[in-house]
Amino acid sequence: MAWRFWQHSDRGQVDGINGPVDFNVFNGTVEELQAFVDGIKETP
């Protein structure tokens, strides 16, 4: 896989959110995204 995430904008706008929002694309399946998220550990 050449890339996992691509940030195509750091200036997106979303109703209800003040300020700019990152817009990102995940290059993979829903299952791969879930496995990636499951592997992230929270910082205490």
Protein backbone atom coordinates (compact mmCIF):
# COMPACT_ATOMS: atom_id res chain seq x y z
CA MET A 1 0.00 0.00 0.00
CA ALA A 2 1.48 3.31 -1.07
CA TRP A 3 -0.37 5.41 1.51
CA ARG A 4 -2.90 4.88 4.30
CA PHE A 5 -4.31 8.38 4.88
CA TRP A 6 -4.39 11.39 2.59
CA GLN A 7 -5.24 14.83 3.97
CA HIS A 8 -6.77 16.64 1.02
CA SER A 9 -7.67 19.78 2.99
CA ASP A 10 -6.87 21.36 6.32
CA ARG A 11 -9.46 24.10 5.77
CA GLY A 12 -12.74 22.20 5.45
CA GLN A 13 -15.96 23.52 6.93
CA VAL A 14 -18.54 21.45 8.80
CA ASP A 15 -21.81 22.80 10.17
CA GLY A 16 -21.68 22.97 13.96
CA ILE A 17 -17.87 23.03 14.18
CA ASN A 18 -16.11 26.35 14.66
CA GLY A 19 -12.88 26.74 12.74
CA PRO A 20 -11.24 24.72 9.99
CA VAL A 21 -11.54 20.92 9.84
CA ASP A 22 -9.13 18.41 8.28
CA PHE A 23 -10.66 16.39 5.43
CA ASN A 24 -8.93 13.02 5.07
CA VAL A 25 -9.29 9.91 2.91
CA PHE A 26 -8.48 6.39 4.14
CA ASN A 27 -7.00 4.06 1.50
CA GLY A 28 -8.38 0.70 2.59
CA THR A 29 -11.42 -1.27 3.63
CA VAL A 30 -13.70 -0.59 6.57
CA GLU A 31 -12.20 -3.67 8.23
CA GLU A 32 -8.67 -2.32 7.76
CA LEU A 33 -9.71 1.03 9.22
CA GLN A 34 -11.28 -0.70 12.24
CA ALA A 35 -8.11 -2.76 12.79
CA PHE A 36 -6.02 0.43 12.59
CA VAL A 37 -8.25 2.20 15.13
CA ASP A 38 -8.29 -0.84 17.43
CA GLY A 39 -4.48 -0.75 17.48
CA ILE A 40 -4.31 2.84 18.77
CA LYS A 41 -3.69 3.09 22.49
CA GLU A 42 -5.04 6.01 24.50
CA THR A 43 -2.53 8.26 26.23
CA PRO A 44 -3.30 8.53 29.96
